[in-house]
Every structure is written in C-alpha cells, then in structure tokens.
PDB file of N, CA and C in Angstrom:
ATOM      1  N   MET A   1      -1.287 -13.916   1.675  1.00  0.00           N
ATOM      2  CA  MET A   1      -1.876 -12.588   1.800  1.00  0.00           C
ATOM      3  C   MET A   1      -1.758 -12.080   3.234  1.00  0.00           C
ATOM      4  N   ALA A   2      -1.696 -13.001   4.196  1.00  0.00           N
ATOM      5  CA  ALA A   2      -1.601 -12.598   5.601  1.00  0.00           C
ATOM      6  C   ALA A   2      -0.325 -11.798   5.859  1.00  0.00           C
ATOM      7  N   ALA A   3       0.780 -12.222   5.258  1.00  0.00           N
ATOM      8  CA  ALA A   3       2.040 -11.502   5.440  1.00  0.00           C
ATOM      9  C   ALA A   3       1.955 -10.103   4.839  1.00  0.00           C
ATOM     10  N   VAL A   4       1.275  -9.990   3.713  1.00  0.00           N
ATOM     11  CA  VAL A   4       1.097  -8.683   3.066  1.00  0.00           C
ATOM     12  C   VAL A   4       0.274  -7.772   3.969  1.00  0.00           C
ATOM     13  N   LYS A   5      -0.800  -8.309   4.536  1.00  0.00           N
ATOM     14  CA  LYS A   5      -1.639  -7.505   5.427  1.00  0.00           C
ATOM     15  C   LYS A   5      -0.853  -7.047   6.651  1.00  0.00           C
ATOM     16  N   GLU A   6      -0.021  -7.926   7.200  1.00  0.00           N
ATOM     17  CA  GLU A   6       0.798  -7.553   8.357  1.00  0.00           C
ATOM     18  C   GLU A   6       1.751  -6.417   8.000  1.00  0.00           C
ATOM     19  N   LEU A   7       2.363  -6.516   6.831  1.00  0.00           N
ATOM     20  CA  LEU A   7       3.291  -5.479   6.386  1.00  0.00           C
ATOM     21  C   LEU A   7       2.561  -4.155   6.182  1.00  0.00           C
ATOM     22  N   LEU A   8       1.410  -4.197   5.524  1.00  0.00           N
ATOM     23  CA  LEU A   8       0.643  -2.968   5.295  1.00  0.00           C
ATOM     24  C   LEU A   8       0.208  -2.350   6.617  1.00  0.00           C
ATOM     25  N   LEU A   9      -0.192  -3.172   7.565  1.00  0.00           N
ATOM     26  CA  LEU A   9      -0.599  -2.650   8.869  1.00  0.00           C
ATOM     27  C   LEU A   9       0.590  -2.029   9.594  1.00  0.00           C
ATOM     28  N   GLU A  10       1.746  -2.654   9.498  1.00  0.00           N
ATOM     29  CA  GLU A  10       2.956  -2.097  10.106  1.00  0.00           C
ATOM     30  C   GLU A  10       3.271  -0.728   9.498  1.00  0.00           C
ATOM     31  N   ILE A  11       3.101  -0.615   8.199  1.00  0.00           N
ATOM     32  CA  ILE A  11       3.341   0.665   7.527  1.00  0.00           C
ATOM     33  C   ILE A  11       2.352   1.713   8.017  1.00  0.00           C
ATOM     34  N   LEU A  12       1.077   1.354   8.105  1.00  0.00           N
ATOM     35  CA  LEU A  12       0.074   2.310   8.592  1.00  0.00           C
ATOM     36  C   LEU A  12       0.386   2.751  10.015  1.00  0.00           C
ATOM     37  N   HIS A  13       0.868   1.839  10.848  1.00  0.00           N
ATOM     38  CA  HIS A  13       1.223   2.197  12.227  1.00  0.00           C
ATOM     39  C   HIS A  13       2.470   3.079  12.276  1.00  0.00           C
ATOM     40  N   SER A  14       3.273   3.061  11.237  1.00  0.00           N
ATOM     41  CA  SER A  14       4.475   3.894  11.185  1.00  0.00           C
ATOM     42  C   SER A  14       4.164   5.348  10.836  1.00  0.00           C
ATOM     43  N   LEU A  15       2.963   5.595  10.345  1.00  0.00           N
ATOM     44  CA  LEU A  15       2.563   6.962   9.991  1.00  0.00           C
ATOM     45  C   LEU A  15       2.085   7.696  11.237  1.00  0.00           C
ATOM     46  N   ASN A  16       2.486   8.965  11.351  1.00  0.00           N
ATOM     47  CA  ASN A  16       1.932   9.761  12.450  1.00  0.00           C
ATOM     48  C   ASN A  16       0.508  10.174  12.078  1.00  0.00           C
ATOM     49  N   ASN A  17      -0.198  10.808  12.996  1.00  0.00           N
ATOM     50  CA  ASN A  17      -1.614  11.137  12.760  1.00  0.00           C
ATOM     51  C   ASN A  17      -1.812  12.049  11.552  1.00  0.00           C
ATOM     52  N   GLY A  18      -0.928  13.011  11.367  1.00  0.00           N
ATOM     53  CA  GLY A  18      -1.027  13.900  10.209  1.00  0.00           C
ATOM     54  C   GLY A  18      -0.817  13.150   8.903  1.00  0.00           C
ATOM     55  N   GLU A  19       0.175  12.274   8.896  1.00  0.00           N
ATOM     56  CA  GLU A  19       0.433  11.468   7.701  1.00  0.00           C
ATOM     57  C   GLU A  19      -0.727  10.515   7.425  1.00  0.00           C
ATOM     58  N   LEU A  20      -1.330   9.985   8.487  1.00  0.00           N
ATOM     59  CA  LEU A  20      -2.467   9.085   8.305  1.00  0.00           C
ATOM     60  C   LEU A  20      -3.640   9.828   7.670  1.00  0.00           C
ATOM     61  N   ARG A  21      -3.873  11.065   8.112  1.00  0.00           N
ATOM     62  CA  ARG A  21      -4.946  11.877   7.498  1.00  0.00           C
ATOM     63  C   ARG A  21      -4.674  12.072   6.011  1.00  0.00           C
ATOM     64  N   LYS A  22      -3.429  12.387   5.668  1.00  0.00           N
ATOM     65  CA  LYS A  22      -3.071  12.565   4.255  1.00  0.00           C
ATOM     66  C   LYS A  22      -3.183  11.242   3.497  1.00  0.00           C
ATOM     67  N   PHE A  23      -2.775  10.155   4.123  1.00  0.00           N
ATOM     68  CA  PHE A  23      -2.888   8.837   3.499  1.00  0.00           C
ATOM     69  C   PHE A  23      -4.340   8.564   3.142  1.00  0.00           C
ATOM     70  N   LYS A  24      -5.236   8.815   4.097  1.00  0.00           N
ATOM     71  CA  LYS A  24      -6.663   8.601   3.842  1.00  0.00           C
ATOM     72  C   LYS A  24      -7.166   9.495   2.720  1.00  0.00           C
ATOM     73  N   LYS A  25      -6.701  10.740   2.696  1.00  0.00           N
ATOM     74  CA  LYS A  25      -7.117  11.678   1.646  1.00  0.00           C
ATOM     75  C   LYS A  25      -6.707  11.148   0.271  1.00  0.00           C
ATOM     76  N   PHE A  26      -5.472  10.682   0.155  1.00  0.00           N
ATOM     77  CA  PHE A  26      -5.004  10.122  -1.118  1.00  0.00           C
ATOM     78  C   PHE A  26      -5.751   8.835  -1.456  1.00  0.00           C
ATOM     79  N   LEU A  27      -6.052   8.030  -0.446  1.00  0.00           N
ATOM     80  CA  LEU A  27      -6.792   6.791  -0.678  1.00  0.00           C
ATOM     81  C   LEU A  27      -8.208   7.094  -1.154  1.00  0.00           C
ATOM     82  N   LEU A  28      -8.841   8.086  -0.548  1.00  0.00           N
ATOM     83  CA  LEU A  28     -10.178   8.496  -0.990  1.00  0.00           C
ATOM     84  C   LEU A  28     -10.145   8.969  -2.439  1.00  0.00           C
ATOM     85  N   SER A  29      -9.106   9.706  -2.797  1.00  0.00           N
ATOM     86  CA  SER A  29      -8.954  10.157  -4.189  1.00  0.00           C
ATOM     87  C   SER A  29      -8.800   8.968  -5.128  1.00  0.00           C
ATOM     88  N   ALA A  30      -8.052   7.956  -4.697  1.00  0.00           N
ATOM     89  CA  ALA A  30      -7.871   6.755  -5.521  1.00  0.00           C
ATOM     90  C   ALA A  30      -9.201   6.036  -5.713  1.00  0.00           C
ATOM     91  N   PHE A  31     -10.008   5.970  -4.651  1.00  0.00           N
ATOM     92  CA  PHE A  31     -11.325   5.348  -4.760  1.00  0.00           C
ATOM     93  C   PHE A  31     -12.164   6.094  -5.791  1.00  0.00           C
ATOM     94  N   GLN A  32     -12.148   7.428  -5.723  1.00  0.00           N
ATOM     95  CA  GLN A  32     -12.938   8.226  -6.661  1.00  0.00           C
ATOM     96  C   GLN A  32     -12.432   8.043  -8.086  1.00  0.00           C
ATOM     97  N   LYS A  33     -11.117   8.049  -8.255  1.00  0.00           N
ATOM     98  CA  LYS A  33     -10.518   7.890  -9.587  1.00  0.00           C
ATOM     99  C   LYS A  33     -10.891   6.538 -10.191  1.00  0.00           C
ATOM    100  N   ASP A  34     -10.925   5.521  -9.353  1.00  0.00           N
ATOM    101  CA  ASP A  34     -11.245   4.169  -9.820  1.00  0.00           C
ATOM    102  C   ASP A  34     -12.745   3.896  -9.824  1.00  0.00           C
ATOM    103  N   SER A  35     -13.535   4.930  -9.572  1.00  0.00           N
ATOM    104  CA  SER A  35     -15.002   4.815  -9.535  1.00  0.00           C
ATOM    105  C   SER A  35     -15.477   3.756  -8.545  1.00  0.00           C
ATOM    106  N   LYS A  36     -14.796   3.686  -7.428  1.00  0.00           N
ATOM    107  CA  LYS A  36     -15.173   2.742  -6.373  1.00  0.00           C
ATOM    108  C   LYS A  36     -16.068   3.470  -5.378  1.00  0.00           C
ATOM    109  N   ASN A  37     -17.015   2.743  -4.803  1.00  0.00           N
ATOM    110  CA  ASN A  37     -17.824   3.311  -3.732  1.00  0.00           C
ATOM    111  C   ASN A  37     -16.945   3.484  -2.502  1.00  0.00           C
ATOM    112  N   ILE A  38     -17.047   4.636  -1.878  1.00  0.00           N
ATOM    113  CA  ILE A  38     -16.230   4.918  -0.704  1.00  0.00           C
ATOM    114  C   ILE A  38     -17.000   4.513   0.547  1.00  0.00           C
ATOM    115  N   PRO A  39     -16.510   3.524   1.272  1.00  0.00           N
ATOM    116  CA  PRO A  39     -17.193   3.118   2.497  1.00  0.00           C
ATOM    117  C   PRO A  39     -17.175   4.238   3.533  1.00  0.00           C
ATOM    118  N   LEU A  40     -18.290   4.403   4.240  1.00  0.00           N
ATOM    119  CA  LEU A  40     -18.372   5.425   5.285  1.00  0.00           C
ATOM    120  C   LEU A  40     -17.287   5.227   6.328  1.00  0.00           C
ATOM    121  N   LEU A  41     -16.973   3.985   6.610  1.00  0.00           N
ATOM    122  CA  LEU A  41     -15.947   3.678   7.595  1.00  0.00           C
ATOM    123  C   LEU A  41     -14.636   4.370   7.247  1.00  0.00           C
ATOM    124  N   LEU A  42     -14.290   4.380   5.975  1.00  0.00           N
ATOM    125  CA  LEU A  42     -13.038   4.999   5.553  1.00  0.00           C
ATOM    126  C   LEU A  42     -13.079   6.508   5.748  1.00  0.00           C
ATOM    127  N   ARG A  43     -14.223   7.096   5.521  1.00  0.00           N
ATOM    128  CA  ARG A  43     -14.351   8.549   5.680  1.00  0.00           C
ATOM    129  C   ARG A  43     -14.218   8.988   7.132  1.00  0.00           C
ATOM    130  N   HIS A  44     -14.721   8.169   8.044  1.00  0.00           N
ATOM    131  CA  HIS A  44     -14.864   8.630   9.427  1.00  0.00           C
ATOM    132  C   HIS A  44     -13.958   7.940  10.434  1.00  0.00           C
ATOM    133  N   SER A  45     -13.224   6.943  10.026  1.00  0.00           N
ATOM    134  CA  SER A  45     -12.416   6.189  10.980  1.00  0.00           C
ATOM    135  C   SER A  45     -10.936   6.489  10.814  1.00  0.00           C
ATOM    136  N   ASN A  46     -10.243   6.575  11.939  1.00  0.00           N
ATOM    137  CA  ASN A  46      -8.787   6.677  11.923  1.00  0.00           C
ATOM    138  C   ASN A  46      -8.158   5.388  12.423  1.00  0.00           C
ATOM    139  N   ASP A  47      -8.986   4.343  12.530  1.00  0.00           N
ATOM    140  CA  ASP A  47      -8.504   3.040  12.966  1.00  0.00           C
ATOM    141  C   ASP A  47      -7.718   2.402  11.825  1.00  0.00           C
ATOM    142  N   ARG A  48      -6.446   2.207  12.056  1.00  0.00           N
ATOM    143  CA  ARG A  48      -5.569   1.706  10.998  1.00  0.00           C
ATOM    144  C   ARG A  48      -5.980   0.319  10.499  1.00  0.00           C
ATOM    145  N   THR A  49      -6.450  -0.521  11.412  1.00  0.00           N
ATOM    146  CA  THR A  49      -6.895  -1.857  11.010  1.00  0.00           C
ATOM    147  C   THR A  49      -8.124  -1.770  10.113  1.00  0.00           C
ATOM    148  N   ALA A  50      -9.040  -0.875  10.437  1.00  0.00           N
ATOM    149  CA  ALA A  50     -10.244  -0.697   9.618  1.00  0.00           C
ATOM    150  C   ALA A  50      -9.878  -0.162   8.233  1.00  0.00           C
ATOM    151  N   ILE A  51      -8.942   0.772   8.182  1.00  0.00           N
ATOM    152  CA  ILE A  51      -8.485   1.322   6.900  1.00  0.00           C
ATOM    153  C   ILE A  51      -7.870   0.205   6.055  1.00  0.00           C
ATOM    154  N   LEU A  52      -7.042  -0.613   6.686  1.00  0.00           N
ATOM    155  CA  LEU A  52      -6.428  -1.736   5.980  1.00  0.00           C
ATOM    156  C   LEU A  52      -7.484  -2.703   5.455  1.00  0.00           C
ATOM    157  N   ASP A  53      -8.462  -3.018   6.281  1.00  0.00           N
ATOM    158  CA  ASP A  53      -9.517  -3.949   5.859  1.00  0.00           C
ATOM    159  C   ASP A  53     -10.258  -3.430   4.629  1.00  0.00           C
ATOM    160  N   VAL A  54     -10.559  -2.137   4.623  1.00  0.00           N
ATOM    161  CA  VAL A  54     -11.256  -1.540   3.476  1.00  0.00           C
ATOM    162  C   VAL A  54     -10.376  -1.618   2.228  1.00  0.00           C
ATOM    163  N   MET A  55      -9.085  -1.311   2.392  1.00  0.00           N
ATOM    164  CA  MET A  55      -8.166  -1.374   1.249  1.00  0.00           C
ATOM    165  C   MET A  55      -8.104  -2.778   0.666  1.00  0.00           C
ATOM    166  N   VAL A  56      -7.957  -3.765   1.534  1.00  0.00           N
ATOM    167  CA  VAL A  56      -7.806  -5.143   1.068  1.00  0.00           C
ATOM    168  C   VAL A  56      -9.105  -5.655   0.448  1.00  0.00           C
ATOM    169  N   GLN A  57     -10.234  -5.294   1.031  1.00  0.00           N
ATOM    170  CA  GLN A  57     -11.518  -5.706   0.460  1.00  0.00           C
ATOM    171  C   GLN A  57     -11.723  -5.092  -0.920  1.00  0.00           C
ATOM    172  N   THR A  58     -11.257  -3.876  -1.096  1.00  0.00           N
ATOM    173  CA  THR A  58     -11.471  -3.164  -2.352  1.00  0.00           C
ATOM    174  C   THR A  58     -10.427  -3.513  -3.407  1.00  0.00           C
ATOM    175  N   TYR A  59      -9.158  -3.492  -3.017  1.00  0.00           N
ATOM    176  CA  TYR A  59      -8.075  -3.642  -3.982  1.00  0.00           C
ATOM    177  C   TYR A  59      -7.386  -5.007  -3.968  1.00  0.00           C
ATOM    178  N   GLY A  60      -7.620  -5.811  -2.945  1.00  0.00           N
ATOM    179  CA  GLY A  60      -6.943  -7.106  -2.865  1.00  0.00           C
ATOM    180  C   GLY A  60      -5.440  -6.926  -2.858  1.00  0.00           C
ATOM    181  N   ARG A  61      -4.746  -7.700  -3.686  1.00  0.00           N
ATOM    182  CA  ARG A  61      -3.276  -7.618  -3.744  1.00  0.00           C
ATOM    183  C   ARG A  61      -2.790  -6.271  -4.287  1.00  0.00           C
ATOM    184  N   GLN A  62      -3.645  -5.577  -4.999  1.00  0.00           N
ATOM    185  CA  GLN A  62      -3.269  -4.250  -5.508  1.00  0.00           C
ATOM    186  C   GLN A  62      -3.174  -3.221  -4.384  1.00  0.00           C
ATOM    187  N   SER A  63      -3.556  -3.597  -3.179  1.00  0.00           N
ATOM    188  CA  SER A  63      -3.402  -2.706  -2.028  1.00  0.00           C
ATOM    189  C   SER A  63      -1.945  -2.297  -1.857  1.00  0.00           C
ATOM    190  N   VAL A  64      -1.046  -3.203  -2.189  1.00  0.00           N
ATOM    191  CA  VAL A  64       0.385  -2.906  -2.099  1.00  0.00           C
ATOM    192  C   VAL A  64       0.737  -1.783  -3.066  1.00  0.00           C
ATOM    193  N   ASP A  65       0.260  -1.872  -4.300  1.00  0.00           N
ATOM    194  CA  ASP A  65       0.539  -0.830  -5.294  1.00  0.00           C
ATOM    195  C   ASP A  65      -0.053   0.508  -4.869  1.00  0.00           C
ATOM    196  N   GLU A  66      -1.279   0.482  -4.371  1.00  0.00           N
ATOM    197  CA  GLU A  66      -1.922   1.720  -3.911  1.00  0.00           C
ATOM    198  C   GLU A  66      -1.128   2.330  -2.762  1.00  0.00           C
ATOM    199  N   THR A  67      -0.683   1.485  -1.846  1.00  0.00           N
ATOM    200  CA  THR A  67       0.093   1.970  -0.704  1.00  0.00           C
ATOM    201  C   THR A  67       1.406   2.576  -1.170  1.00  0.00           C
ATOM    202  N   ARG A  68       2.076   1.930  -2.104  1.00  0.00           N
ATOM    203  CA  ARG A  68       3.334   2.475  -2.639  1.00  0.00           C
ATOM    204  C   ARG A  68       3.118   3.857  -3.253  1.00  0.00           C
ATOM    205  N   GLU A  69       2.068   3.988  -4.055  1.00  0.00           N
ATOM    206  CA  GLU A  69       1.783   5.275  -4.695  1.00  0.00           C
ATOM    207  C   GLU A  69       1.540   6.364  -3.651  1.00  0.00           C
ATOM    208  N   ILE A  70       0.786   6.025  -2.626  1.00  0.00           N
ATOM    209  CA  ILE A  70       0.486   7.009  -1.585  1.00  0.00           C
ATOM    210  C   ILE A  70       1.746   7.349  -0.797  1.00  0.00           C
ATOM    211  N   LEU A  71       2.567   6.366  -0.494  1.00  0.00           N
ATOM    212  CA  LEU A  71       3.808   6.636   0.235  1.00  0.00           C
ATOM    213  C   LEU A  71       4.728   7.546  -0.572  1.00  0.00           C
ATOM    214  N   LYS A  72       4.743   7.396  -1.900  1.00  0.00           N
ATOM    215  CA  LYS A  72       5.515   8.305  -2.753  1.00  0.00           C
ATOM    216  C   LYS A  72       5.029   9.734  -2.565  1.00  0.00           C
ATOM    217  N   LYS A  73       3.710   9.901  -2.574  1.00  0.00           N
ATOM    218  CA  LYS A  73       3.129  11.234  -2.420  1.00  0.00           C
ATOM    219  C   LYS A  73       3.422  11.817  -1.046  1.00  0.00           C
ATOM    220  N   LEU A  74       3.557  10.950  -0.054  1.00  0.00           N
ATOM    221  CA  LEU A  74       3.864  11.397   1.306  1.00  0.00           C
ATOM    222  C   LEU A  74       5.367  11.569   1.527  1.00  0.00           C
ATOM    223  N   HIS A  75       6.156  11.246   0.508  1.00  0.00           N
ATOM    224  CA  HIS A  75       7.618  11.313   0.591  1.00  0.00           C
ATOM    225  C   HIS A  75       8.154  10.417   1.706  1.00  0.00           C
ATOM    226  N   ARG A  76       7.552   9.231   1.845  1.00  0.00           N
ATOM    227  CA  ARG A  76       7.998   8.260   2.854  1.00  0.00           C
ATOM    228  C   ARG A  76       8.676   7.080   2.161  1.00  0.00           C
ATOM    229  N   VAL A  77       9.780   7.399   1.507  1.00  0.00           N
ATOM    230  CA  VAL A  77      10.557   6.387   0.799  1.00  0.00           C
ATOM    231  C   VAL A  77      11.049   5.324   1.780  1.00  0.00           C
ATOM    232  N   ASP A  78      11.310   5.741   3.013  1.00  0.00           N
ATOM    233  CA  ASP A  78      11.774   4.786   4.017  1.00  0.00           C
ATOM    234  C   ASP A  78      10.768   3.654   4.218  1.00  0.00           C
ATOM    235  N   LEU A  79       9.495   3.983   4.190  1.00  0.00           N
ATOM    236  CA  LEU A  79       8.471   2.953   4.358  1.00  0.00           C
ATOM    237  C   LEU A  79       8.301   2.126   3.087  1.00  0.00           C
ATOM    238  N   MET A  80       8.523   2.743   1.937  1.00  0.00           N
ATOM    239  CA  MET A  80       8.434   2.000   0.674  1.00  0.00           C
ATOM    240  C   MET A  80       9.490   0.900   0.622  1.00  0.00           C
ATOM    241  N   GLN A  81      10.628   1.145   1.248  1.00  0.00           N
ATOM    242  CA  GLN A  81      11.707   0.163   1.234  1.00  0.00           C
ATOM    243  C   GLN A  81      11.336  -1.099   2.001  1.00  0.00           C
ATOM    244  N   MET A  82      10.358  -1.010   2.877  1.00  0.00           N
ATOM    245  CA  MET A  82       9.924  -2.191   3.621  1.00  0.00           C
ATOM    246  C   MET A  82       9.386  -3.262   2.674  1.00  0.00           C
ATOM    247  N   PHE A  83       8.830  -2.851   1.545  1.00  0.00           N
ATOM    248  CA  PHE A  83       8.314  -3.819   0.578  1.00  0.00           C
ATOM    249  C   PHE A  83       9.442  -4.657  -0.007  1.00  0.00           C
ATOM    250  N   SER A  84      10.525  -4.011  -0.411  1.00  0.00           N
ATOM    251  CA  SER A  84      11.613  -4.758  -1.034  1.00  0.00           C
ATOM    252  C   SER A  84      12.375  -5.595  -0.015  1.00  0.00           C
ATOM    253  N   GLU A  85      12.422  -5.157   1.239  1.00  0.00           N
ATOM    254  CA  GLU A  85      13.126  -5.918   2.265  1.00  0.00           C
ATOM    255  C   GLU A  85      12.429  -7.235   2.566  1.00  0.00           C
ATOM    256  N   THR A  86      11.113  -7.257   2.428  1.00  0.00           N
ATOM    257  CA  THR A  86      10.371  -8.465   2.769  1.00  0.00           C
ATOM    258  C   THR A  86      10.068  -9.317   1.546  1.00  0.00           C
ATOM    259  N   SER A  87      10.351  -8.794   0.382  1.00  0.00           N
ATOM    260  CA  SER A  87      10.022  -9.530  -0.841  1.00  0.00           C
ATOM    261  C   SER A  87      11.126 -10.530  -1.163  1.00  0.00           C
ATOM    262  N   SER A  88      10.735 -11.761  -1.388  1.00  0.00           N
ATOM    263  CA  SER A  88      11.716 -12.767  -1.783  1.00  0.00           C
ATOM    264  C   SER A  88      11.760 -12.917  -3.299  1.00  0.00           C
ATOM    265  N   GLU A  89      10.835 -12.256  -3.982  1.00  0.00           N
ATOM    266  CA  GLU A  89      10.780 -12.339  -5.438  1.00  0.00           C
ATOM    267  C   GLU A  89      11.707 -11.289  -6.027  1.00  0.00           C
ATOM    268  N   PRO A  90      12.523 -11.654  -7.023  1.00  0.00           N
ATOM    269  CA  PRO A  90      13.416 -10.664  -7.626  1.00  0.00           C
ATOM    270  C   PRO A  90      12.641  -9.555  -8.315  1.00  0.00           C
ATOM    271  N   LYS A  91      13.242  -8.402  -8.324  1.00  0.00           N
ATOM    272  CA  LYS A  91      12.623  -7.274  -9.021  1.00  0.00           C
ATOM    273  C   LYS A  91      12.639  -7.548 -10.516  1.00  0.00           C
ATOM    274  N   ALA A  92      11.849  -6.802 -11.271  1.00  0.00           N
ATOM    275  CA  ALA A  92      11.687  -7.034 -12.709  1.00  0.00           C
ATOM    276  C   ALA A  92      13.024  -6.998 -13.444  1.00  0.00           C
ATOM    277  N   ASP A  93      13.882  -6.019 -13.131  1.00  0.00           N
ATOM    278  CA  ASP A  93      15.171  -5.918 -13.813  1.00  0.00           C
ATOM    279  C   ASP A  93      16.036  -7.140 -13.533  1.00  0.00           C
ATOM    280  N   GLN A  94      16.027  -7.609 -12.290  1.00  0.00           N
ATOM    281  CA  GLN A  94      16.811  -8.784 -11.932  1.00  0.00           C
ATOM    282  C   GLN A  94      16.269 -10.021 -12.633  1.00  0.00           C
ATOM    283  N   ARG A  95      14.953 -10.126 -12.748  1.00  0.00           N
ATOM    284  CA  ARG A  95      14.322 -11.267 -13.386  1.00  0.00           C
ATOM    285  C   ARG A  95      14.715 -11.318 -14.863  1.00  0.00           C
ATOM    286  N   ARG A  96      14.692 -10.158 -15.543  1.00  0.00           N
ATOM    287  CA  ARG A  96      15.063 -10.108 -16.953  1.00  0.00           C
ATOM    288  C   ARG A  96      16.521 -10.521 -17.139  1.00  0.00           C
ATOM    289  N   PHE A  97      17.397 -10.050 -16.245  1.00  0.00           N
ATOM    290  CA  PHE A  97      18.813 -10.382 -16.328  1.00  0.00           C
ATOM    291  C   PHE A  97      19.010 -11.886 -16.178  1.00  0.00           C
ATOM    292  N   THR A  98      18.332 -12.471 -15.226  1.00  0.00           N
ATOM    293  CA  THR A  98      18.430 -13.912 -14.995  1.00  0.00           C
ATOM    294  C   THR A  98      17.907 -14.691 -16.193  1.00  0.00           C
ATOM    295  N   GLU A  99      16.805 -14.244 -16.772  1.00  0.00           N
ATOM    296  CA  GLU A  99      16.236 -14.927 -17.932  1.00  0.00           C
ATOM    297  C   GLU A  99      17.180 -14.852 -19.125  1.00  0.00           C
ATOM    298  N   ASN A 100      17.846 -13.702 -19.307  1.00  0.00           N
ATOM    299  CA  ASN A 100      18.771 -13.542 -20.426  1.00  0.00           C
ATOM    300  C   ASN A 100      19.995 -14.434 -20.267  1.00  0.00           C
ATOM    301  N   GLU A 101      20.423 -14.680 -19.025  1.00  0.00           N
ATOM    302  CA  GLU A 101      21.575 -15.538 -18.783  1.00  0.00           C
ATOM    303  C   GLU A 101      21.294 -16.971 -19.214  1.00  0.00           C
ATOM    304  N   GLN A 102      20.043 -17.384 -19.102  1.00  0.00           N
ATOM    305  CA  GLN A 102      19.685 -18.756 -19.416  1.00  0.00           C
ATOM    306  C   GLN A 102      19.636 -19.017 -20.915  1.00  0.00           C
ATOM    307  N   ASP A 103      19.532 -17.992 -21.727  1.00  0.00           N
ATOM    308  CA  ASP A 103      19.444 -18.152 -23.194  1.00  0.00           C
ATOM    309  C   ASP A 103      20.744 -18.596 -23.806  1.00  0.00           C
TER     310      ASP A 103
END
C-alpha cells in the first residue's frame, strides 16, 4: 500500500492549484454520493498529504479507482497513465488472453 500512496501523492503534486481545487470538489461529491462523512480537513485544507490521508482512510485501495475517475473528469489522461506504468499486474484483457491460451 505504501507504493500506492506514493504514487497517489505524486499525482496530487502534479496538479496545479486550480486542478487541486477541482479534484477536491469531485472528491467531496464522491463522499456525498457514497454517503460518507466529509472530514472538515478535506473541506478546508489544500495540503496534498492531508487530502491523500483522508482518501486512504476512507476508501483504502479504492482510492486508486476514485483518483482515476477524478482524473478522467479533469481530462488528465497523462496522469492516469502513471497507474499502468507502475502496475506489474496485467490488465484484465491481457489476463483473459493468457488464461485462454492455457486451455
């Protein structure tokens, strides 16, 4: 999980201040949609580490999925690619292809 947190923090640091505000807005919407309590820290802090901590405490490993969804909304496909570059696990399509070869 430490590597995931490092990657998410790197992504948050790659956002400019305007993008970070929008990221927080989308994250707050996700909290509301999921009926999660919104920590005051998230509402009032622009500290990227604090934002990451709240995400991980709330969503755990699903923080990656939430981040991907928000990056799509921000049109930051370049940052989304960081996930696949660091992932050693094959994507779902590749996994299915490999499984079919073994049959």
